[in-house]
């Protein structure tokens, strides 16, 4: 479930599993991530970067700073911080 795929951190960031469903994330956080081309968080990041990133890669998508924490043949975990708008 989405609750198991998102771990809130004490600094306000969160660790999100790559397999997390984008629609569920949008619902949970009132985000508006694009679900047209990707169904999972991993898919969204790959779509954005157009490549499998190295661990430690940082990108921004829709006001979120995403730091890749763990990669195998897909993004397993990323840290997400909401940027001040």
PDB file of N, CA and C in Angstrom:
ATOM      1  N   UNK A   1       0.844  -1.198   0.000  1.00  0.00           N
ATOM      2  CA  UNK A   1       0.000   0.000   0.000  1.00  0.00           C
ATOM      3  C   UNK A   1       0.877   1.245   0.000  1.00  0.00           C
ATOM      4  N   UNK A   2       0.267   2.364  -0.368  1.00  0.00           N
ATOM      5  CA  UNK A   2       1.009   3.620  -0.465  1.00  0.00           C
ATOM      6  C   UNK A   2       1.611   4.013   0.885  1.00  0.00           C
ATOM      7  N   UNK A   3       0.925   3.703   1.971  1.00  0.00           N
ATOM      8  CA  UNK A   3       1.439   4.055   3.298  1.00  0.00           C
ATOM      9  C   UNK A   3       2.779   3.373   3.577  1.00  0.00           C
ATOM     10  N   UNK A   4       2.959   2.172   3.041  1.00  0.00           N
ATOM     11  CA  UNK A   4       4.211   1.440   3.259  1.00  0.00           C
ATOM     12  C   UNK A   4       5.316   1.939   2.337  1.00  0.00           C
ATOM     13  N   UNK A   5       4.942   2.657   1.287  1.00  0.00           N
ATOM     14  CA  UNK A   5       5.931   3.093   0.294  1.00  0.00           C
ATOM     15  C   UNK A   5       6.441   4.509   0.536  1.00  0.00           C
ATOM     16  N   UNK A   6       5.851   5.182   1.521  1.00  0.00           N
ATOM     17  CA  UNK A   6       6.248   6.556   1.836  1.00  0.00           C
ATOM     18  C   UNK A   6       6.632   6.622   3.305  1.00  0.00           C
ATOM     19  N   UNK A   7       7.859   7.072   3.587  1.00  0.00           N
ATOM     20  CA  UNK A   7       8.294   7.206   4.973  1.00  0.00           C
ATOM     21  C   UNK A   7       8.626   8.675   5.236  1.00  0.00           C
ATOM     22  N   UNK A   8       7.837   9.295   6.099  1.00  0.00           N
ATOM     23  CA  UNK A   8       8.026  10.696   6.453  1.00  0.00           C
ATOM     24  C   UNK A   8       9.285  10.822   7.304  1.00  0.00           C
ATOM     25  N   UNK A   9      10.128  11.802   6.994  1.00  0.00           N
ATOM     26  CA  UNK A   9      11.358  12.039   7.755  1.00  0.00           C
ATOM     27  C   UNK A   9      11.152  13.221   8.699  1.00  0.00           C
ATOM     28  N   UNK A  10      11.960  13.283   9.753  1.00  0.00           N
ATOM     29  CA  UNK A  10      11.773  14.339  10.759  1.00  0.00           C
ATOM     30  C   UNK A  10      12.069  15.732  10.203  1.00  0.00           C
ATOM     31  N   UNK A  11      12.858  15.820   9.126  1.00  0.00           N
ATOM     32  CA  UNK A  11      13.173  17.144   8.559  1.00  0.00           C
ATOM     33  C   UNK A  11      12.119  17.622   7.562  1.00  0.00           C
ATOM     34  N   UNK A  12      11.013  16.868   7.446  1.00  0.00           N
ATOM     35  CA  UNK A  12       9.952  17.291   6.535  1.00  0.00           C
ATOM     36  C   UNK A  12      10.052  16.655   5.152  1.00  0.00           C
ATOM     37  N   UNK A  13      11.193  16.028   4.864  1.00  0.00           N
ATOM     38  CA  UNK A  13      11.316  15.322   3.590  1.00  0.00           C
ATOM     39  C   UNK A  13      10.660  13.949   3.737  1.00  0.00           C
ATOM     40  N   UNK A  14      10.625  13.193   2.652  1.00  0.00           N
ATOM     41  CA  UNK A  14      10.112  11.838   2.747  1.00  0.00           C
ATOM     42  C   UNK A  14      10.901  10.930   1.827  1.00  0.00           C
ATOM     43  N   UNK A  15      10.947   9.657   2.199  1.00  0.00           N
ATOM     44  CA  UNK A  15      11.588   8.650   1.366  1.00  0.00           C
ATOM     45  C   UNK A  15      10.454   7.902   0.669  1.00  0.00           C
ATOM     46  N   UNK A  16      10.504   7.889  -0.657  1.00  0.00           N
ATOM     47  CA  UNK A  16       9.431   7.263  -1.437  1.00  0.00           C
ATOM     48  C   UNK A  16      10.011   6.129  -2.271  1.00  0.00           C
ATOM     49  N   UNK A  17       9.339   4.989  -2.240  1.00  0.00           N
ATOM     50  CA  UNK A  17       9.744   3.834  -3.047  1.00  0.00           C
ATOM     51  C   UNK A  17       9.462   4.134  -4.525  1.00  0.00           C
ATOM     52  N   UNK A  18      10.335   3.649  -5.392  1.00  0.00           N
ATOM     53  CA  UNK A  18      10.139   3.838  -6.827  1.00  0.00           C
ATOM     54  C   UNK A  18       8.851   3.214  -7.335  1.00  0.00           C
ATOM     55  N   UNK A  19       8.399   2.170  -6.651  1.00  0.00           N
ATOM     56  CA  UNK A  19       7.198   1.444  -7.095  1.00  0.00           C
ATOM     57  C   UNK A  19       5.895   2.131  -6.692  1.00  0.00           C
ATOM     58  N   UNK A  20       5.982   3.231  -5.932  1.00  0.00           N
ATOM     59  CA  UNK A  20       4.770   3.916  -5.469  1.00  0.00           C
ATOM     60  C   UNK A  20       3.947   4.422  -6.654  1.00  0.00           C
ATOM     61  N   UNK A  21       2.640   4.266  -6.557  1.00  0.00           N
ATOM     62  CA  UNK A  21       1.720   4.680  -7.614  1.00  0.00           C
ATOM     63  C   UNK A  21       1.550   6.202  -7.603  1.00  0.00           C
ATOM     64  N   UNK A  22       1.700   6.818  -8.783  1.00  0.00           N
ATOM     65  CA  UNK A  22       1.636   8.280  -8.872  1.00  0.00           C
ATOM     66  C   UNK A  22       0.271   8.828  -8.460  1.00  0.00           C
ATOM     67  N   UNK A  23      -0.795   8.157  -8.884  1.00  0.00           N
ATOM     68  CA  UNK A  23      -2.128   8.659  -8.512  1.00  0.00           C
ATOM     69  C   UNK A  23      -2.307   8.667  -7.001  1.00  0.00           C
ATOM     70  N   UNK A  24      -1.793   7.613  -6.342  1.00  0.00           N
ATOM     71  CA  UNK A  24      -1.883   7.541  -4.884  1.00  0.00           C
ATOM     72  C   UNK A  24      -1.067   8.659  -4.229  1.00  0.00           C
ATOM     73  N   UNK A  25       0.123   8.930  -4.782  1.00  0.00           N
ATOM     74  CA  UNK A  25       0.956  10.016  -4.249  1.00  0.00           C
ATOM     75  C   UNK A  25       0.246  11.356  -4.426  1.00  0.00           C
ATOM     76  N   UNK A  26      -0.336  11.566  -5.607  1.00  0.00           N
ATOM     77  CA  UNK A  26      -1.060  12.813  -5.867  1.00  0.00           C
ATOM     78  C   UNK A  26      -2.194  13.001  -4.869  1.00  0.00           C
ATOM     79  N   UNK A  27      -2.917  11.907  -4.613  1.00  0.00           N
ATOM     80  CA  UNK A  27      -4.033  11.976  -3.664  1.00  0.00           C
ATOM     81  C   UNK A  27      -3.535  12.268  -2.252  1.00  0.00           C
ATOM     82  N   UNK A  28      -2.504  11.546  -1.855  1.00  0.00           N
ATOM     83  CA  UNK A  28      -1.979  11.642  -0.497  1.00  0.00           C
ATOM     84  C   UNK A  28      -1.456  13.047  -0.171  1.00  0.00           C
ATOM     85  N   UNK A  29      -0.783  13.681  -1.135  1.00  0.00           N
ATOM     86  CA  UNK A  29      -0.107  14.957  -0.878  1.00  0.00           C
ATOM     87  C   UNK A  29      -0.720  16.142  -1.629  1.00  0.00           C
ATOM     88  N   UNK A  30      -1.829  15.916  -2.333  1.00  0.00           N
ATOM     89  CA  UNK A  30      -2.427  16.960  -3.174  1.00  0.00           C
ATOM     90  C   UNK A  30      -1.415  17.494  -4.192  1.00  0.00           C
ATOM     91  N   UNK A  31      -0.610  16.594  -4.736  1.00  0.00           N
ATOM     92  CA  UNK A  31       0.321  16.958  -5.797  1.00  0.00           C
ATOM     93  C   UNK A  31      -0.406  16.828  -7.127  1.00  0.00           C
ATOM     94  N   UNK A  32       0.248  17.321  -8.185  1.00  0.00           N
ATOM     95  CA  UNK A  32      -0.319  17.182  -9.523  1.00  0.00           C
ATOM     96  C   UNK A  32       0.738  16.607 -10.460  1.00  0.00           C
ATOM     97  N   UNK A  33       1.360  15.524 -10.034  1.00  0.00           N
ATOM     98  CA  UNK A  33       2.364  14.875 -10.885  1.00  0.00           C
ATOM     99  C   UNK A  33       1.682  14.295 -12.105  1.00  0.00           C
ATOM    100  N   UNK A  34       2.361  14.332 -13.224  1.00  0.00           N
ATOM    101  CA  UNK A  34       1.802  13.891 -14.496  1.00  0.00           C
ATOM    102  C   UNK A  34       1.678  12.369 -14.547  1.00  0.00           C
ATOM    103  N   UNK A  35       0.454  11.880 -14.646  1.00  0.00           N
ATOM    104  CA  UNK A  35       0.238  10.434 -14.683  1.00  0.00           C
ATOM    105  C   UNK A  35      -0.025   9.925 -16.098  1.00  0.00           C
ATOM    106  N   UNK A  36       0.158  10.795 -17.090  1.00  0.00           N
ATOM    107  CA  UNK A  36      -0.155  10.412 -18.469  1.00  0.00           C
ATOM    108  C   UNK A  36       0.854   9.402 -19.024  1.00  0.00           C
ATOM    109  N   UNK A  37       2.145   9.657 -18.787  1.00  0.00           N
ATOM    110  CA  UNK A  37       3.182   8.804 -19.374  1.00  0.00           C
ATOM    111  C   UNK A  37       3.766   7.793 -18.404  1.00  0.00           C
ATOM    112  N   UNK A  38       3.493   7.973 -17.126  1.00  0.00           N
ATOM    113  CA  UNK A  38       4.077   7.072 -16.129  1.00  0.00           C
ATOM    114  C   UNK A  38       3.037   6.739 -15.075  1.00  0.00           C
ATOM    115  N   UNK A  39       3.128   5.519 -14.548  1.00  0.00           N
ATOM    116  CA  UNK A  39       2.188   5.110 -13.500  1.00  0.00           C
ATOM    117  C   UNK A  39       2.836   5.085 -12.124  1.00  0.00           C
ATOM    118  N   UNK A  40       4.177   4.946 -12.117  1.00  0.00           N
ATOM    119  CA  UNK A  40       4.882   4.847 -10.839  1.00  0.00           C
ATOM    120  C   UNK A  40       5.860   6.013 -10.681  1.00  0.00           C
ATOM    121  N   UNK A  41       6.302   6.200  -9.451  1.00  0.00           N
ATOM    122  CA  UNK A  41       7.276   7.243  -9.152  1.00  0.00           C
ATOM    123  C   UNK A  41       8.567   7.009  -9.939  1.00  0.00           C
ATOM    124  N   UNK A  42       9.020   5.767  -9.970  1.00  0.00           N
ATOM    125  CA  UNK A  42      10.183   5.381 -10.773  1.00  0.00           C
ATOM    126  C   UNK A  42       9.997   5.805 -12.233  1.00  0.00           C
ATOM    127  N   UNK A  43       8.829   5.490 -12.789  1.00  0.00           N
ATOM    128  CA  UNK A  43       8.547   5.820 -14.192  1.00  0.00           C
ATOM    129  C   UNK A  43       8.593   7.318 -14.447  1.00  0.00           C
ATOM    130  N   UNK A  44       8.044   8.091 -13.515  1.00  0.00           N
ATOM    131  CA  UNK A  44       8.037   9.552 -13.650  1.00  0.00           C
ATOM    132  C   UNK A  44       9.465  10.093 -13.715  1.00  0.00           C
ATOM    133  N   UNK A  45      10.314   9.598 -12.813  1.00  0.00           N
ATOM    134  CA  UNK A  45      11.700  10.085 -12.764  1.00  0.00           C
ATOM    135  C   UNK A  45      12.454   9.670 -14.025  1.00  0.00           C
ATOM    136  N   UNK A  46      12.274   8.424 -14.468  1.00  0.00           N
ATOM    137  CA  UNK A  46      12.948   7.958 -15.688  1.00  0.00           C
ATOM    138  C   UNK A  46      12.495   8.764 -16.893  1.00  0.00           C
ATOM    139  N   UNK A  47      11.199   9.055 -16.951  1.00  0.00           N
ATOM    140  CA  UNK A  47      10.635   9.864 -18.038  1.00  0.00           C
ATOM    141  C   UNK A  47      11.304  11.245 -18.049  1.00  0.00           C
ATOM    142  N   UNK A  48      11.478  11.801 -16.877  1.00  0.00           N
ATOM    143  CA  UNK A  48      12.051  13.141 -16.739  1.00  0.00           C
ATOM    144  C   UNK A  48      13.539  13.150 -17.107  1.00  0.00           C
ATOM    145  N   UNK A  49      14.290  12.162 -16.631  1.00  0.00           N
ATOM    146  CA  UNK A  49      15.741  12.145 -16.838  1.00  0.00           C
ATOM    147  C   UNK A  49      16.144  11.470 -18.149  1.00  0.00           C
ATOM    148  N   UNK A  50      15.227  10.659 -18.696  1.00  0.00           N
ATOM    149  CA  UNK A  50      15.466   9.906 -19.934  1.00  0.00           C
ATOM    150  C   UNK A  50      16.633   8.936 -19.811  1.00  0.00           C
ATOM    151  N   UNK A  51      16.932   8.516 -18.590  1.00  0.00           N
ATOM    152  CA  UNK A  51      18.010   7.562 -18.368  1.00  0.00           C
ATOM    153  C   UNK A  51      17.905   7.051 -16.942  1.00  0.00           C
ATOM    154  N   UNK A  52      18.531   5.905 -16.665  1.00  0.00           N
ATOM    155  CA  UNK A  52      18.575   5.425 -15.283  1.00  0.00           C
ATOM    156  C   UNK A  52      19.667   6.217 -14.568  1.00  0.00           C
ATOM    157  N   UNK A  53      19.299   6.942 -13.509  1.00  0.00           N
ATOM    158  CA  UNK A  53      20.276   7.828 -12.858  1.00  0.00           C
ATOM    159  C   UNK A  53      21.204   7.070 -11.918  1.00  0.00           C
ATOM    160  N   UNK A  54      22.311   7.710 -11.586  1.00  0.00           N
ATOM    161  CA  UNK A  54      23.195   7.197 -10.539  1.00  0.00           C
ATOM    162  C   UNK A  54      22.614   7.580  -9.182  1.00  0.00           C
ATOM    163  N   UNK A  55      22.971   6.807  -8.169  1.00  0.00           N
ATOM    164  CA  UNK A  55      22.578   7.181  -6.812  1.00  0.00           C
ATOM    165  C   UNK A  55      23.207   8.531  -6.490  1.00  0.00           C
ATOM    166  N   UNK A  56      22.449   9.392  -5.840  1.00  0.00           N
ATOM    167  CA  UNK A  56      22.945  10.730  -5.524  1.00  0.00           C
ATOM    168  C   UNK A  56      22.523  11.780  -6.531  1.00  0.00           C
ATOM    169  N   UNK A  57      21.978  11.347  -7.686  1.00  0.00           N
ATOM    170  CA  UNK A  57      21.480  12.294  -8.684  1.00  0.00           C
ATOM    171  C   UNK A  57      20.325  13.093  -8.083  1.00  0.00           C
ATOM    172  N   UNK A  58      20.303  14.394  -8.349  1.00  0.00           N
ATOM    173  CA  UNK A  58      19.224  15.253  -7.862  1.00  0.00           C
ATOM    174  C   UNK A  58      18.524  15.872  -9.062  1.00  0.00           C
ATOM    175  N   UNK A  59      17.195  15.847  -9.048  1.00  0.00           N
ATOM    176  CA  UNK A  59      16.447  16.520 -10.107  1.00  0.00           C
ATOM    177  C   UNK A  59      15.247  17.212  -9.479  1.00  0.00           C
ATOM    178  N   UNK A  60      14.631  18.108 -10.256  1.00  0.00           N
ATOM    179  CA  UNK A  60      13.421  18.774  -9.780  1.00  0.00           C
ATOM    180  C   UNK A  60      12.282  18.458 -10.730  1.00  0.00           C
ATOM    181  N   UNK A  61      11.164  18.044 -10.166  1.00  0.00           N
ATOM    182  CA  UNK A  61       9.963  17.776 -10.954  1.00  0.00           C
ATOM    183  C   UNK A  61       8.793  18.427 -10.230  1.00  0.00           C
ATOM    184  N   UNK A  62       8.112  19.344 -10.907  1.00  0.00           N
ATOM    185  CA  UNK A  62       6.902  19.963 -10.347  1.00  0.00           C
ATOM    186  C   UNK A  62       7.065  20.468  -8.920  1.00  0.00           C
ATOM    187  N   UNK A  63       8.146  21.196  -8.666  1.00  0.00           N
ATOM    188  CA  UNK A  63       8.324  21.789  -7.337  1.00  0.00           C
ATOM    189  C   UNK A  63       8.805  20.827  -6.265  1.00  0.00           C
ATOM    190  N   UNK A  64       9.224  19.640  -6.688  1.00  0.00           N
ATOM    191  CA  UNK A  64       9.774  18.673  -5.739  1.00  0.00           C
ATOM    192  C   UNK A  64      11.249  18.466  -6.061  1.00  0.00           C
ATOM    193  N   UNK A  65      12.098  18.517  -5.041  1.00  0.00           N
ATOM    194  CA  UNK A  65      13.501  18.159  -5.240  1.00  0.00           C
ATOM    195  C   UNK A  65      13.622  16.677  -4.912  1.00  0.00           C
ATOM    196  N   UNK A  66      14.096  15.911  -5.881  1.00  0.00           N
ATOM    197  CA  UNK A  66      14.161  14.457  -5.750  1.00  0.00           C
ATOM    198  C   UNK A  66      15.622  14.020  -5.790  1.00  0.00           C
ATOM    199  N   UNK A  67      16.050  13.353  -4.733  1.00  0.00           N
ATOM    200  CA  UNK A  67      17.420  12.840  -4.659  1.00  0.00           C
ATOM    201  C   UNK A  67      17.346  11.317  -4.735  1.00  0.00           C
ATOM    202  N   UNK A  68      18.024  10.748  -5.724  1.00  0.00           N
ATOM    203  CA  UNK A  68      17.978   9.298  -5.920  1.00  0.00           C
ATOM    204  C   UNK A  68      18.842   8.628  -4.851  1.00  0.00           C
ATOM    205  N   UNK A  69      18.242   7.718  -4.079  1.00  0.00           N
ATOM    206  CA  UNK A  69      18.981   7.061  -2.996  1.00  0.00           C
ATOM    207  C   UNK A  69      19.453   5.664  -3.368  1.00  0.00           C
ATOM    208  N   UNK A  70      18.602   4.914  -4.066  1.00  0.00           N
ATOM    209  CA  UNK A  70      18.946   3.519  -4.336  1.00  0.00           C
ATOM    210  C   UNK A  70      18.462   3.122  -5.727  1.00  0.00           C
ATOM    211  N   UNK A  71      19.398   2.551  -6.510  1.00  0.00           N
ATOM    212  CA  UNK A  71      19.100   2.153  -7.887  1.00  0.00           C
ATOM    213  C   UNK A  71      19.576   0.728  -8.099  1.00  0.00           C
ATOM    214  N   UNK A  72      18.743  -0.098  -8.729  1.00  0.00           N
ATOM    215  CA  UNK A  72      19.262  -1.373  -9.233  1.00  0.00           C
ATOM    216  C   UNK A  72      19.052  -1.281 -10.741  1.00  0.00           C
ATOM    217  N   UNK A  73      18.074  -1.966 -11.313  1.00  0.00           N
ATOM    218  CA  UNK A  73      17.763  -1.700 -12.722  1.00  0.00           C
ATOM    219  C   UNK A  73      16.588  -0.731 -12.817  1.00  0.00           C
ATOM    220  N   UNK A  74      16.129  -0.262 -11.664  1.00  0.00           N
ATOM    221  CA  UNK A  74      15.120   0.801 -11.602  1.00  0.00           C
ATOM    222  C   UNK A  74      15.422   1.627 -10.355  1.00  0.00           C
ATOM    223  N   UNK A  75      14.716   2.730 -10.213  1.00  0.00           N
ATOM    224  CA  UNK A  75      14.899   3.543  -9.017  1.00  0.00           C
ATOM    225  C   UNK A  75      14.117   2.888  -7.894  1.00  0.00           C
ATOM    226  N   UNK A  76      14.819   2.459  -6.856  1.00  0.00           N
ATOM    227  CA  UNK A  76      14.159   1.773  -5.750  1.00  0.00           C
ATOM    228  C   UNK A  76      13.665   2.757  -4.694  1.00  0.00           C
ATOM    229  N   UNK A  77      14.474   3.782  -4.420  1.00  0.00           N
ATOM    230  CA  UNK A  77      14.095   4.753  -3.390  1.00  0.00           C
ATOM    231  C   UNK A  77      14.628   6.126  -3.739  1.00  0.00           C
ATOM    232  N   UNK A  78      13.839   7.140  -3.416  1.00  0.00           N
ATOM    233  CA  UNK A  78      14.293   8.519  -3.595  1.00  0.00           C
ATOM    234  C   UNK A  78      13.820   9.347  -2.414  1.00  0.00           C
ATOM    235  N   UNK A  79      14.621  10.356  -2.092  1.00  0.00           N
ATOM    236  CA  UNK A  79      14.238  11.306  -1.054  1.00  0.00           C
ATOM    237  C   UNK A  79      13.564  12.487  -1.748  1.00  0.00           C
ATOM    238  N   UNK A  80      12.440  12.928  -1.199  1.00  0.00           N
ATOM    239  CA  UNK A  80      11.677  14.001  -1.834  1.00  0.00           C
ATOM    240  C   UNK A  80      11.503  15.153  -0.857  1.00  0.00           C
ATOM    241  N   UNK A  81      11.818  16.351  -1.341  1.00  0.00           N
ATOM    242  CA  UNK A  81      11.610  17.559  -0.545  1.00  0.00           C
ATOM    243  C   UNK A  81      10.764  18.516  -1.366  1.00  0.00           C
ATOM    244  N   UNK A  82       9.773  19.101  -0.717  1.00  0.00           N
ATOM    245  CA  UNK A  82       8.932  20.100  -1.394  1.00  0.00           C
ATOM    246  C   UNK A  82       9.680  21.415  -1.380  1.00  0.00           C
ATOM    247  N   UNK A  83       9.854  22.020  -2.570  1.00  0.00           N
ATOM    248  CA  UNK A  83      10.542  23.298  -2.641  1.00  0.00           C
ATOM    249  C   UNK A  83       9.549  24.407  -2.323  1.00  0.00           C
ATOM    250  N   UNK A  84      10.032  25.453  -1.676  1.00  0.00           N
ATOM    251  CA  UNK A  84       9.161  26.587  -1.378  1.00  0.00           C
ATOM    252  C   UNK A  84       8.710  27.211  -2.696  1.00  0.00           C
ATOM    253  N   UNK A  85       7.414  27.471  -2.827  1.00  0.00           N
ATOM    254  CA  UNK A  85       6.937  28.016  -4.107  1.00  0.00           C
ATOM    255  C   UNK A  85       6.996  29.527  -4.121  1.00  0.00           C
TER     256      UNK A  85
END
